[in-house]
PDB file of N, CA and C in Angstrom:
ATOM      1  N   MET A   1      68.034   1.661 -10.832  1.00  0.00           N
ATOM      2  CA  MET A   1      69.368   2.110 -10.392  1.00  0.00           C
ATOM      3  C   MET A   1      70.653   0.788  -9.577  1.00  0.00           C
ATOM      4  N   ARG A   2      70.380   1.064  -8.877  1.00  0.00           N
ATOM      5  CA  ARG A   2      70.741  -0.124  -8.183  1.00  0.00           C
ATOM      6  C   ARG A   2      71.171  -1.295  -9.115  1.00  0.00           C
ATOM      7  N   LYS A   3      70.392  -2.503  -9.046  1.00  0.00           N
ATOM      8  CA  LYS A   3      69.904  -3.180 -10.361  1.00  0.00           C
ATOM      9  C   LYS A   3      71.235  -3.452 -11.187  1.00  0.00           C
ATOM     10  N   ILE A   4      70.777  -2.170 -11.705  1.00  0.00           N
ATOM     11  CA  ILE A   4      71.538  -1.946 -13.563  1.00  0.00           C
ATOM     12  C   ILE A   4      73.170  -2.201 -12.161  1.00  0.00           C
ATOM     13  N   ALA A   5      73.628  -1.374 -11.935  1.00  0.00           N
ATOM     14  CA  ALA A   5      74.876  -1.782 -11.334  1.00  0.00           C
ATOM     15  C   ALA A   5      75.234  -2.616 -10.811  1.00  0.00           C
ATOM     16  N   GLY A   6      74.537  -3.171 -10.009  1.00  0.00           N
ATOM     17  CA  GLY A   6      74.998  -4.166  -9.474  1.00  0.00           C
ATOM     18  C   GLY A   6      75.497  -5.050 -10.285  1.00  0.00           C
ATOM     19  N   TYR A   7      74.069  -5.853 -11.671  1.00  0.00           N
ATOM     20  CA  TYR A   7      74.014  -6.618 -12.867  1.00  0.00           C
ATOM     21  C   TYR A   7      75.673  -6.251 -13.735  1.00  0.00           C
ATOM     22  N   LEU A   8      76.145  -4.708 -13.417  1.00  0.00           N
ATOM     23  CA  LEU A   8      76.947  -4.447 -14.241  1.00  0.00           C
ATOM     24  C   LEU A   8      78.316  -5.076 -13.932  1.00  0.00           C
ATOM     25  N   LEU A   9      78.095  -4.540 -12.487  1.00  0.00           N
ATOM     26  CA  LEU A   9      79.898  -5.413 -11.720  1.00  0.00           C
ATOM     27  C   LEU A   9      79.416  -6.986 -12.262  1.00  0.00           C
ATOM     28  N   ALA A  10      79.134  -7.404 -11.811  1.00  0.00           N
ATOM     29  CA  ALA A  10      78.718  -8.598 -12.024  1.00  0.00           C
ATOM     30  C   ALA A  10      78.834  -9.721 -13.172  1.00  0.00           C
ATOM     31  N   GLY A  11      78.869  -8.784 -13.997  1.00  0.00           N
ATOM     32  CA  GLY A  11      78.833  -9.176 -15.774  1.00  0.00           C
ATOM     33  C   GLY A  11      80.558  -8.919 -15.663  1.00  0.00           C
ATOM     34  N   THR A  12      81.386  -7.543 -15.824  1.00  0.00           N
ATOM     35  CA  THR A  12      82.683  -7.503 -15.364  1.00  0.00           C
ATOM     36  C   THR A  12      83.540  -8.243 -13.999  1.00  0.00           C
ATOM     37  N   ALA A  13      82.825  -8.775 -13.258  1.00  0.00           N
ATOM     38  CA  ALA A  13      83.014  -9.949 -12.428  1.00  0.00           C
ATOM     39  C   ALA A  13      83.780 -11.185 -13.078  1.00  0.00           C
ATOM     40  N   LEU A  14      82.634 -11.446 -13.650  1.00  0.00           N
ATOM     41  CA  LEU A  14      82.155 -12.482 -14.360  1.00  0.00           C
ATOM     42  C   LEU A  14      83.898 -12.855 -15.700  1.00  0.00           C
ATOM     43  N   ILE A  15      84.016 -11.139 -16.818  1.00  0.00           N
ATOM     44  CA  ILE A  15      84.754 -11.241 -17.432  1.00  0.00           C
ATOM     45  C   ILE A  15      86.318 -11.422 -16.761  1.00  0.00           C
ATOM     46  N   ALA A  16      86.534 -10.509 -15.646  1.00  0.00           N
ATOM     47  CA  ALA A  16      87.799 -11.149 -15.295  1.00  0.00           C
ATOM     48  C   ALA A  16      87.521 -11.570 -13.711  1.00  0.00           C
ATOM     49  N   CYS A  17      87.109 -12.428 -14.077  1.00  0.00           N
ATOM     50  CA  CYS A  17      87.752 -13.440 -13.200  1.00  0.00           C
ATOM     51  C   CYS A  17      88.462 -15.099 -13.337  1.00  0.00           C
ATOM     52  N   PRO A  18      89.816 -14.598 -12.681  1.00  0.00           N
ATOM     53  CA  PRO A  18      90.585 -15.294 -12.772  1.00  0.00           C
ATOM     54  C   PRO A  18      90.731 -17.054 -13.561  1.00  0.00           C
ATOM     55  N   CYS A  19      89.743 -17.846 -13.060  1.00  0.00           N
ATOM     56  CA  CYS A  19      89.563 -18.596 -13.731  1.00  0.00           C
ATOM     57  C   CYS A  19      89.132 -18.717 -15.714  1.00  0.00           C
ATOM     58  N   HIS A  20      88.523 -17.800 -15.983  1.00  0.00           N
ATOM     59  CA  HIS A  20      88.134 -16.815 -17.384  1.00  0.00           C
ATOM     60  C   HIS A  20      89.553 -16.341 -18.103  1.00  0.00           C
ATOM     61  N   LEU A  21      90.356 -15.675 -16.819  1.00  0.00           N
ATOM     62  CA  LEU A  21      91.069 -15.017 -17.837  1.00  0.00           C
ATOM     63  C   LEU A  21      92.557 -15.747 -18.045  1.00  0.00           C
ATOM     64  N   VAL A  22      92.729 -17.204 -17.843  1.00  0.00           N
ATOM     65  CA  VAL A  22      93.522 -18.426 -18.862  1.00  0.00           C
ATOM     66  C   VAL A  22      93.154 -18.399 -20.273  1.00  0.00           C
ATOM     67  N   LEU A  23      92.320 -17.754 -20.323  1.00  0.00           N
ATOM     68  CA  LEU A  23      91.492 -17.963 -21.671  1.00  0.00           C
ATOM     69  C   LEU A  23      91.251 -16.331 -22.232  1.00  0.00           C
ATOM     70  N   LEU A  24      91.020 -15.634 -21.599  1.00  0.00           N
ATOM     71  CA  LEU A  24      90.836 -14.442 -22.578  1.00  0.00           C
ATOM     72  C   LEU A  24      91.594 -13.694 -22.233  1.00  0.00           C
ATOM     73  N   LEU A  25      93.422 -13.764 -21.686  1.00  0.00           N
ATOM     74  CA  LEU A  25      93.926 -12.643 -21.813  1.00  0.00           C
ATOM     75  C   LEU A  25      95.378 -13.112 -22.923  1.00  0.00           C
ATOM     76  N   PRO A  26      95.249 -14.272 -24.001  1.00  0.00           N
ATOM     77  CA  PRO A  26      95.760 -15.143 -24.607  1.00  0.00           C
ATOM     78  C   PRO A  26      94.870 -14.147 -26.068  1.00  0.00           C
ATOM     79  N   VAL A  27      93.462 -13.928 -26.052  1.00  0.00           N
ATOM     80  CA  VAL A  27      92.553 -13.928 -27.216  1.00  0.00           C
ATOM     81  C   VAL A  27      93.085 -11.307 -26.698  1.00  0.00           C
ATOM     82  N   VAL A  28      92.837 -11.337 -26.115  1.00  0.00           N
ATOM     83  CA  VAL A  28      93.127  -9.862 -25.170  1.00  0.00           C
ATOM     84  C   VAL A  28      93.915 -10.026 -26.379  1.00  0.00           C
ATOM     85  N   LEU A  29      95.397 -10.448 -26.035  1.00  0.00           N
ATOM     86  CA  LEU A  29      96.634 -10.001 -26.603  1.00  0.00           C
ATOM     87  C   LEU A  29      97.179  -9.959 -27.467  1.00  0.00           C
ATOM     88  N   GLY A  30      96.760 -10.838 -28.601  1.00  0.00           N
ATOM     89  CA  GLY A  30      96.428 -11.665 -29.925  1.00  0.00           C
ATOM     90  C   GLY A  30      95.588  -9.878 -30.444  1.00  0.00           C
ATOM     91  N   LEU A  31      94.495  -9.921 -30.086  1.00  0.00           N
ATOM     92  CA  LEU A  31      93.889  -8.448 -30.457  1.00  0.00           C
ATOM     93  C   LEU A  31      94.984  -7.730 -30.767  1.00  0.00           C
ATOM     94  N   LEU A  32      95.372  -7.634 -29.876  1.00  0.00           N
ATOM     95  CA  LEU A  32      96.440  -5.740 -29.132  1.00  0.00           C
ATOM     96  C   LEU A  32      97.206  -6.187 -29.571  1.00  0.00           C
ATOM     97  N   GLY A  33      98.297  -7.490 -30.239  1.00  0.00           N
ATOM     98  CA  GLY A  33      98.881  -7.268 -30.727  1.00  0.00           C
ATOM     99  C   GLY A  33      99.394  -6.342 -31.940  1.00  0.00           C
ATOM    100  N   GLY A  34     101.011  -5.954 -31.550  1.00  0.00           N
ATOM    101  CA  GLY A  34     102.003  -5.059 -32.044  1.00  0.00           C
ATOM    102  C   GLY A  34     101.425  -3.547 -31.878  1.00  0.00           C
ATOM    103  N   THR A  35     100.105  -3.570 -30.824  1.00  0.00           N
ATOM    104  CA  THR A  35     100.304  -2.213 -30.209  1.00  0.00           C
ATOM    105  C   THR A  35     100.965  -1.826 -29.190  1.00  0.00           C
ATOM    106  N   ALA A  36     100.948  -0.597 -28.854  1.00  0.00           N
ATOM    107  CA  ALA A  36     101.718   0.186 -27.714  1.00  0.00           C
ATOM    108  C   ALA A  36     101.268  -0.932 -26.534  1.00  0.00           C
ATOM    109  N   LEU A  37      99.677  -0.250 -26.202  1.00  0.00           N
ATOM    110  CA  LEU A  37      98.837  -1.815 -25.395  1.00  0.00           C
ATOM    111  C   LEU A  37      99.517  -3.048 -25.046  1.00  0.00           C
ATOM    112  N   GLY A  38      99.266  -3.698 -26.716  1.00  0.00           N
ATOM    113  CA  GLY A  38      99.258  -4.836 -26.116  1.00  0.00           C
ATOM    114  C   GLY A  38     100.977  -5.231 -25.587  1.00  0.00           C
ATOM    115  N   ALA A  39     101.540  -4.882 -26.206  1.00  0.00           N
ATOM    116  CA  ALA A  39     102.858  -4.806 -26.197  1.00  0.00           C
ATOM    117  C   ALA A  39     103.408  -4.766 -23.838  1.00  0.00           C
ATOM    118  N   ALA A  40     102.615  -3.726 -23.705  1.00  0.00           N
ATOM    119  CA  ALA A  40     102.649  -3.273 -22.337  1.00  0.00           C
ATOM    120  C   ALA A  40     101.978  -4.874 -21.485  1.00  0.00           C
ATOM    121  N   LEU A  41     100.912  -4.910 -22.134  1.00  0.00           N
ATOM    122  CA  LEU A  41     100.463  -6.204 -21.117  1.00  0.00           C
ATOM    123  C   LEU A  41     101.252  -7.330 -21.456  1.00  0.00           C
ATOM    124  N   ALA A  42     101.800  -7.690 -22.466  1.00  0.00           N
ATOM    125  CA  ALA A  42     102.750  -8.882 -22.886  1.00  0.00           C
ATOM    126  C   ALA A  42     104.112  -9.088 -21.907  1.00  0.00           C
ATOM    127  N   ALA A  43     104.594  -7.790 -21.867  1.00  0.00           N
ATOM    128  CA  ALA A  43     105.458  -7.785 -20.993  1.00  0.00           C
ATOM    129  C   ALA A  43     105.203  -7.865 -19.343  1.00  0.00           C
ATOM    130  N   ASN A  44     103.842  -7.237 -19.095  1.00  0.00           N
ATOM    131  CA  ASN A  44     103.356  -7.428 -17.713  1.00  0.00           C
ATOM    132  C   ASN A  44     102.450  -7.848 -17.446  1.00  0.00           C
ATOM    133  N   THR A  45     102.355  -9.435 -17.627  1.00  0.00           N
ATOM    134  CA  THR A  45     101.531 -10.579 -17.819  1.00  0.00           C
ATOM    135  C   THR A  45     101.029 -10.727 -15.854  1.00  0.00           C
ATOM    136  N   GLY A  46     101.990 -11.080 -15.270  1.00  0.00           N
ATOM    137  CA  GLY A  46     101.648 -10.850 -13.876  1.00  0.00           C
ATOM    138  C   GLY A  46     100.911 -10.141 -13.110  1.00  0.00           C
ATOM    139  N   TRP A  47     100.905  -8.061 -13.593  1.00  0.00           N
ATOM    140  CA  TRP A  47     100.588  -7.524 -13.063  1.00  0.00           C
ATOM    141  C   TRP A  47      99.219  -7.238 -13.324  1.00  0.00           C
ATOM    142  N   VAL A  48      98.664  -7.657 -14.584  1.00  0.00           N
ATOM    143  CA  VAL A  48      97.844  -7.674 -15.279  1.00  0.00           C
ATOM    144  C   VAL A  48      96.656  -8.889 -15.068  1.00  0.00           C
ATOM    145  N   VAL A  49      97.381  -9.989 -14.337  1.00  0.00           N
ATOM    146  CA  VAL A  49      96.637 -11.135 -13.861  1.00  0.00           C
ATOM    147  C   VAL A  49      95.889 -10.661 -11.938  1.00  0.00           C
ATOM    148  N   ALA A  50      97.266 -10.301 -11.684  1.00  0.00           N
ATOM    149  CA  ALA A  50      97.264  -9.759 -10.043  1.00  0.00           C
ATOM    150  C   ALA A  50      95.825  -8.322 -10.051  1.00  0.00           C
ATOM    151  N   GLY A  51      96.370  -7.421 -11.053  1.00  0.00           N
ATOM    152  CA  GLY A  51      94.939  -6.005 -11.436  1.00  0.00           C
ATOM    153  C   GLY A  51      93.634  -7.079 -11.719  1.00  0.00           C
ATOM    154  N   ALA A  52      93.055  -8.142 -12.845  1.00  0.00           N
ATOM    155  CA  ALA A  52      91.886  -8.736 -12.445  1.00  0.00           C
ATOM    156  C   ALA A  52      91.746  -9.198 -11.490  1.00  0.00           C
ATOM    157  N   THR A  53      92.663  -9.749 -10.403  1.00  0.00           N
ATOM    158  CA  THR A  53      92.303 -10.700  -9.864  1.00  0.00           C
ATOM    159  C   THR A  53      91.449  -9.769  -9.034  1.00  0.00           C
ATOM    160  N   ALA A  54      92.128  -8.766  -8.090  1.00  0.00           N
ATOM    161  CA  ALA A  54      91.411  -7.632  -7.119  1.00  0.00           C
ATOM    162  C   ALA A  54      90.293  -7.366  -7.687  1.00  0.00           C
ATOM    163  N   TYR A  55      90.693  -6.667  -9.077  1.00  0.00           N
ATOM    164  CA  TYR A  55      89.437  -6.180  -9.757  1.00  0.00           C
ATOM    165  C   TYR A  55      87.806  -6.590  -9.809  1.00  0.00           C
ATOM    166  N   PHE A  56      88.022  -8.100  -9.748  1.00  0.00           N
ATOM    167  CA  PHE A  56      87.494  -9.200  -9.676  1.00  0.00           C
ATOM    168  C   PHE A  56      86.438  -9.645  -8.355  1.00  0.00           C
ATOM    169  N   ALA A  57      87.695  -9.543  -7.186  1.00  0.00           N
ATOM    170  CA  ALA A  57      87.100  -9.276  -6.137  1.00  0.00           C
ATOM    171  C   ALA A  57      86.228  -8.745  -5.181  1.00  0.00           C
ATOM    172  N   LEU A  58      87.044  -7.221  -6.309  1.00  0.00           N
ATOM    173  CA  LEU A  58      85.759  -5.720  -5.424  1.00  0.00           C
ATOM    174  C   LEU A  58      84.987  -6.283  -5.589  1.00  0.00           C
ATOM    175  N   ALA A  59      84.697  -6.320  -7.281  1.00  0.00           N
ATOM    176  CA  ALA A  59      83.063  -6.015  -8.370  1.00  0.00           C
ATOM    177  C   ALA A  59      82.145  -7.446  -7.362  1.00  0.00           C
ATOM    178  N   LEU A  60      82.608  -8.188  -7.605  1.00  0.00           N
ATOM    179  CA  LEU A  60      82.124  -9.050  -6.732  1.00  0.00           C
ATOM    180  C   LEU A  60      81.056  -9.041  -5.716  1.00  0.00           C
ATOM    181  N   ALA A  61      82.227  -8.262  -5.021  1.00  0.00           N
ATOM    182  CA  ALA A  61      81.152  -7.647  -2.879  1.00  0.00           C
ATOM    183  C   ALA A  61      80.411  -6.656  -3.589  1.00  0.00           C
ATOM    184  N   GLY A  62      81.143  -5.950  -4.734  1.00  0.00           N
ATOM    185  CA  GLY A  62      79.771  -4.580  -4.438  1.00  0.00           C
ATOM    186  C   GLY A  62      78.872  -5.079  -5.402  1.00  0.00           C
ATOM    187  N   ALA A  63      79.154  -6.225  -6.106  1.00  0.00           N
ATOM    188  CA  ALA A  63      78.069  -6.226  -6.451  1.00  0.00           C
ATOM    189  C   ALA A  63      76.854  -6.813  -5.805  1.00  0.00           C
ATOM    190  N   LEU A  64      77.498  -7.695  -4.873  1.00  0.00           N
ATOM    191  CA  LEU A  64      76.468  -8.496  -3.811  1.00  0.00           C
ATOM    192  C   LEU A  64      76.309  -7.263  -3.100  1.00  0.00           C
ATOM    193  N   HIS A  65      77.034  -6.290  -2.167  1.00  0.00           N
ATOM    194  CA  HIS A  65      76.312  -5.984  -1.626  1.00  0.00           C
ATOM    195  C   HIS A  65      74.999  -4.762  -2.520  1.00  0.00           C
ATOM    196  N   LEU A  66      75.274  -4.513  -3.997  1.00  0.00           N
ATOM    197  CA  LEU A  66      74.421  -3.905  -4.594  1.00  0.00           C
ATOM    198  C   LEU A  66      72.563  -4.805  -4.095  1.00  0.00           C
ATOM    199  N   LEU A  67      73.087  -5.478  -5.056  1.00  0.00           N
ATOM    200  CA  LEU A  67      71.606  -6.616  -5.192  1.00  0.00           C
ATOM    201  C   LEU A  67      71.034  -7.349  -4.903  1.00  0.00           C
ATOM    202  N   TYR A  68      71.946  -7.798  -3.009  1.00  0.00           N
ATOM    203  CA  TYR A  68      71.247  -7.855  -1.709  1.00  0.00           C
ATOM    204  C   TYR A  68      70.880  -7.259  -0.685  1.00  0.00           C
ATOM    205  N   ARG A  69      70.929  -6.679  -0.681  1.00  0.00           N
ATOM    206  CA  ARG A  69      71.393  -5.771   0.241  1.00  0.00           C
ATOM    207  C   ARG A  69      69.428  -5.126   0.876  1.00  0.00           C
ATOM    208  N   ARG A  70      69.322  -5.320   2.214  1.00  0.00           N
ATOM    209  CA  ARG A  70      67.996  -5.039   2.682  1.00  0.00           C
ATOM    210  C   ARG A  70      67.405  -4.672   2.340  1.00  0.00           C
ATOM    211  N   ALA A  71      65.843  -3.876   2.059  1.00  0.00           N
ATOM    212  CA  ALA A  71      65.549  -2.807   1.831  1.00  0.00           C
ATOM    213  C   ALA A  71      65.757  -1.889   3.319  1.00  0.00           C
ATOM    214  N   GLY A  72      65.385  -2.762   3.825  1.00  0.00           N
ATOM    215  CA  GLY A  72      64.906  -1.705   5.575  1.00  0.00           C
ATOM    216  C   GLY A  72      66.650  -1.153   5.618  1.00  0.00           C
ATOM    217  N   ASN A  73      67.833  -1.400   5.279  1.00  0.00           N
ATOM    218  CA  ASN A  73      68.898  -1.140   5.770  1.00  0.00           C
ATOM    219  C   ASN A  73      68.812   0.367   4.641  1.00  0.00           C
ATOM    220  N   ALA A  74      67.831   0.277   3.040  1.00  0.00           N
ATOM    221  CA  ALA A  74      68.659   0.830   2.026  1.00  0.00           C
ATOM    222  C   ALA A  74      68.471   2.594   2.106  1.00  0.00           C
ATOM    223  N   LYS A  75      67.901   2.952   3.489  1.00  0.00           N
ATOM    224  CA  LYS A  75      67.508   4.501   3.763  1.00  0.00           C
ATOM    225  C   LYS A  75      68.371   4.514   5.125  1.00  0.00           C
ATOM    226  N   GLY A  76      69.348   3.743   5.405  1.00  0.00           N
ATOM    227  CA  GLY A  76      70.479   4.050   6.580  1.00  0.00           C
ATOM    228  C   GLY A  76      69.506   4.037   7.999  1.00  0.00           C
ATOM    229  N   SER A  77      68.756   3.448   7.843  1.00  0.00           N
ATOM    230  CA  SER A  77      67.729   3.190   8.995  1.00  0.00           C
ATOM    231  C   SER A  77      68.370   2.566  10.531  1.00  0.00           C
ATOM    232  N   GLY A  78      69.600   1.375  10.057  1.00  0.00           N
ATOM    233  CA  GLY A  78      69.807   0.603  10.609  1.00  0.00           C
ATOM    234  C   GLY A  78      69.087  -0.575  11.473  1.00  0.00           C
ATOM    235  N   ARG A  79      67.854  -0.767  10.845  1.00  0.00           N
ATOM    236  CA  ARG A  79      67.132  -1.343  11.158  1.00  0.00           C
ATOM    237  C   ARG A  79      66.856  -2.583  10.185  1.00  0.00           C
ATOM    238  N   THR A  80      67.089  -3.916  11.076  1.00  0.00           N
ATOM    239  CA  THR A  80      67.059  -4.328  10.332  1.00  0.00           C
ATOM    240  C   THR A  80      65.155  -5.558  10.141  1.00  0.00           C
ATOM    241  N   PRO A  81      64.162  -5.709   8.957  1.00  0.00           N
ATOM    242  CA  PRO A  81      62.762  -6.035   9.063  1.00  0.00           C
ATOM    243  C   PRO A  81      62.927  -7.441   9.973  1.00  0.00           C
ATOM    244  N   PRO A  82      62.148  -7.702  10.856  1.00  0.00           N
ATOM    245  CA  PRO A  82      61.519  -8.529  11.965  1.00  0.00           C
ATOM    246  C   PRO A  82      60.946  -9.593  11.303  1.00  0.00           C
ATOM    247  N   THR A  83      61.468 -10.629  11.154  1.00  0.00           N
ATOM    248  CA  THR A  83      61.170 -12.157  11.452  1.00  0.00           C
ATOM    249  C   THR A  83      59.832 -12.332  11.638  1.00  0.00           C
ATOM    250  N   VAL A  84      59.614 -13.974  10.761  1.00  0.00           N
ATOM    251  CA  VAL A  84      57.471 -14.008  11.371  1.00  0.00           C
ATOM    252  C   VAL A  84      57.575 -13.917  12.592  1.00  0.00           C
ATOM    253  N   ARG A  85      58.549 -15.488  13.376  1.00  0.00           N
ATOM    254  CA  ARG A  85      58.061 -15.558  14.560  1.00  0.00           C
ATOM    255  C   ARG A  85      58.929 -14.234  15.190  1.00  0.00           C
ATOM    256  N   GLU A  86      59.442 -13.197  15.453  1.00  0.00           N
ATOM    257  CA  GLU A  86      59.399 -12.561  15.991  1.00  0.00           C
ATOM    258  C   GLU A  86      58.188 -11.071  15.136  1.00  0.00           C
ATOM    259  N   ALA A  87      57.809 -11.068  14.660  1.00  0.00           N
ATOM    260  CA  ALA A  87      56.387 -10.511  14.129  1.00  0.00           C
ATOM    261  C   ALA A  87      55.421 -11.443  15.070  1.00  0.00           C
ATOM    262  N   GLY A  88      55.051 -12.534  15.191  1.00  0.00           N
ATOM    263  CA  GLY A  88      54.350 -12.973  15.850  1.00  0.00           C
ATOM    264  C   GLY A  88      54.156 -12.886  17.257  1.00  0.00           C
ATOM    265  N   ASP A  89      55.877 -12.805  17.870  1.00  0.00           N
ATOM    266  CA  ASP A  89      55.263 -13.554  19.268  1.00  0.00           C
ATOM    267  C   ASP A  89      55.044 -11.665  19.152  1.00  0.00           C
ATOM    268  N   ARG A  90      55.700 -10.876  18.636  1.00  0.00           N
ATOM    269  CA  ARG A  90      55.138  -8.852  19.315  1.00  0.00           C
ATOM    270  C   ARG A  90      53.377  -8.745  19.422  1.00  0.00           C
ATOM    271  N   ARG A  91      52.805  -9.711  18.305  1.00  0.00           N
ATOM    272  CA  ARG A  91      51.260  -9.642  18.376  1.00  0.00           C
ATOM    273  C   ARG A  91      50.767 -10.205  19.539  1.00  0.00           C
ATOM    274  N   GLU A  92      51.385 -11.078  19.643  1.00  0.00           N
ATOM    275  CA  GLU A  92      51.147 -12.139  20.727  1.00  0.00           C
ATOM    276  C   GLU A  92      50.989 -11.435  22.358  1.00  0.00           C
ATOM    277  N   LYS A  93      51.687 -10.789  22.844  1.00  0.00           N
ATOM    278  CA  LYS A  93      52.395 -10.010  23.210  1.00  0.00           C
ATOM    279  C   LYS A  93      51.721  -8.990  23.937  1.00  0.00           C
ATOM    280  N   THR A  94      51.325  -8.036  22.730  1.00  0.00           N
ATOM    281  CA  THR A  94      50.601  -7.251  22.454  1.00  0.00           C
ATOM    282  C   THR A  94      48.529  -7.688  22.765  1.00  0.00           C
ATOM    283  N   GLU A  95      48.416  -8.362  22.202  1.00  0.00           N
ATOM    284  CA  GLU A  95      46.451  -9.233  22.748  1.00  0.00           C
ATOM    285  C   GLU A  95      47.305  -9.523  24.187  1.00  0.00           C
ATOM    286  N   ALA A  96      48.016 -10.044  24.911  1.00  0.00           N
ATOM    287  CA  ALA A  96      47.956 -10.026  26.002  1.00  0.00           C
ATOM    288  C   ALA A  96      47.603  -9.271  26.838  1.00  0.00           C
ATOM    289  N   ARG A  97      48.565  -7.980  26.487  1.00  0.00           N
ATOM    290  CA  ARG A  97      48.441  -6.632  27.179  1.00  0.00           C
ATOM    291  C   ARG A  97      46.731  -6.047  27.296  1.00  0.00           C
ATOM    292  N   SER A  98      46.204  -6.055  25.932  1.00  0.00           N
ATOM    293  CA  SER A  98      45.156  -5.129  25.797  1.00  0.00           C
ATOM    294  C   SER A  98      44.000  -6.137  27.006  1.00  0.00           C
ATOM    295  N   SER A  99      43.975  -7.673  26.728  1.00  0.00           N
ATOM    296  CA  SER A  99      43.119  -8.565  27.651  1.00  0.00           C
ATOM    297  C   SER A  99      43.276  -8.874  29.077  1.00  0.00           C
TER     298      SER A  99
END
């Protein structure tokens, strides 16, 4: 479920990206032309761009958090899994103590 939400946020962030908004906003305004929503968006394009940019940043951060969060931290343990080198060092210390 976490991955689905992460991919959904990443996809909507891609659509709301400010570099794509230059092409997408005129299309949306053309499709909504003659409606009250189209008139409101056309009158407030600065707010639309600012809102889409804010959504892009927050959705991208949320997607990265959901997709790349470590499994050890998912349960709230606060511990990260040891690296391969740390695990090897621990094993060597344990073997040295037992012999």
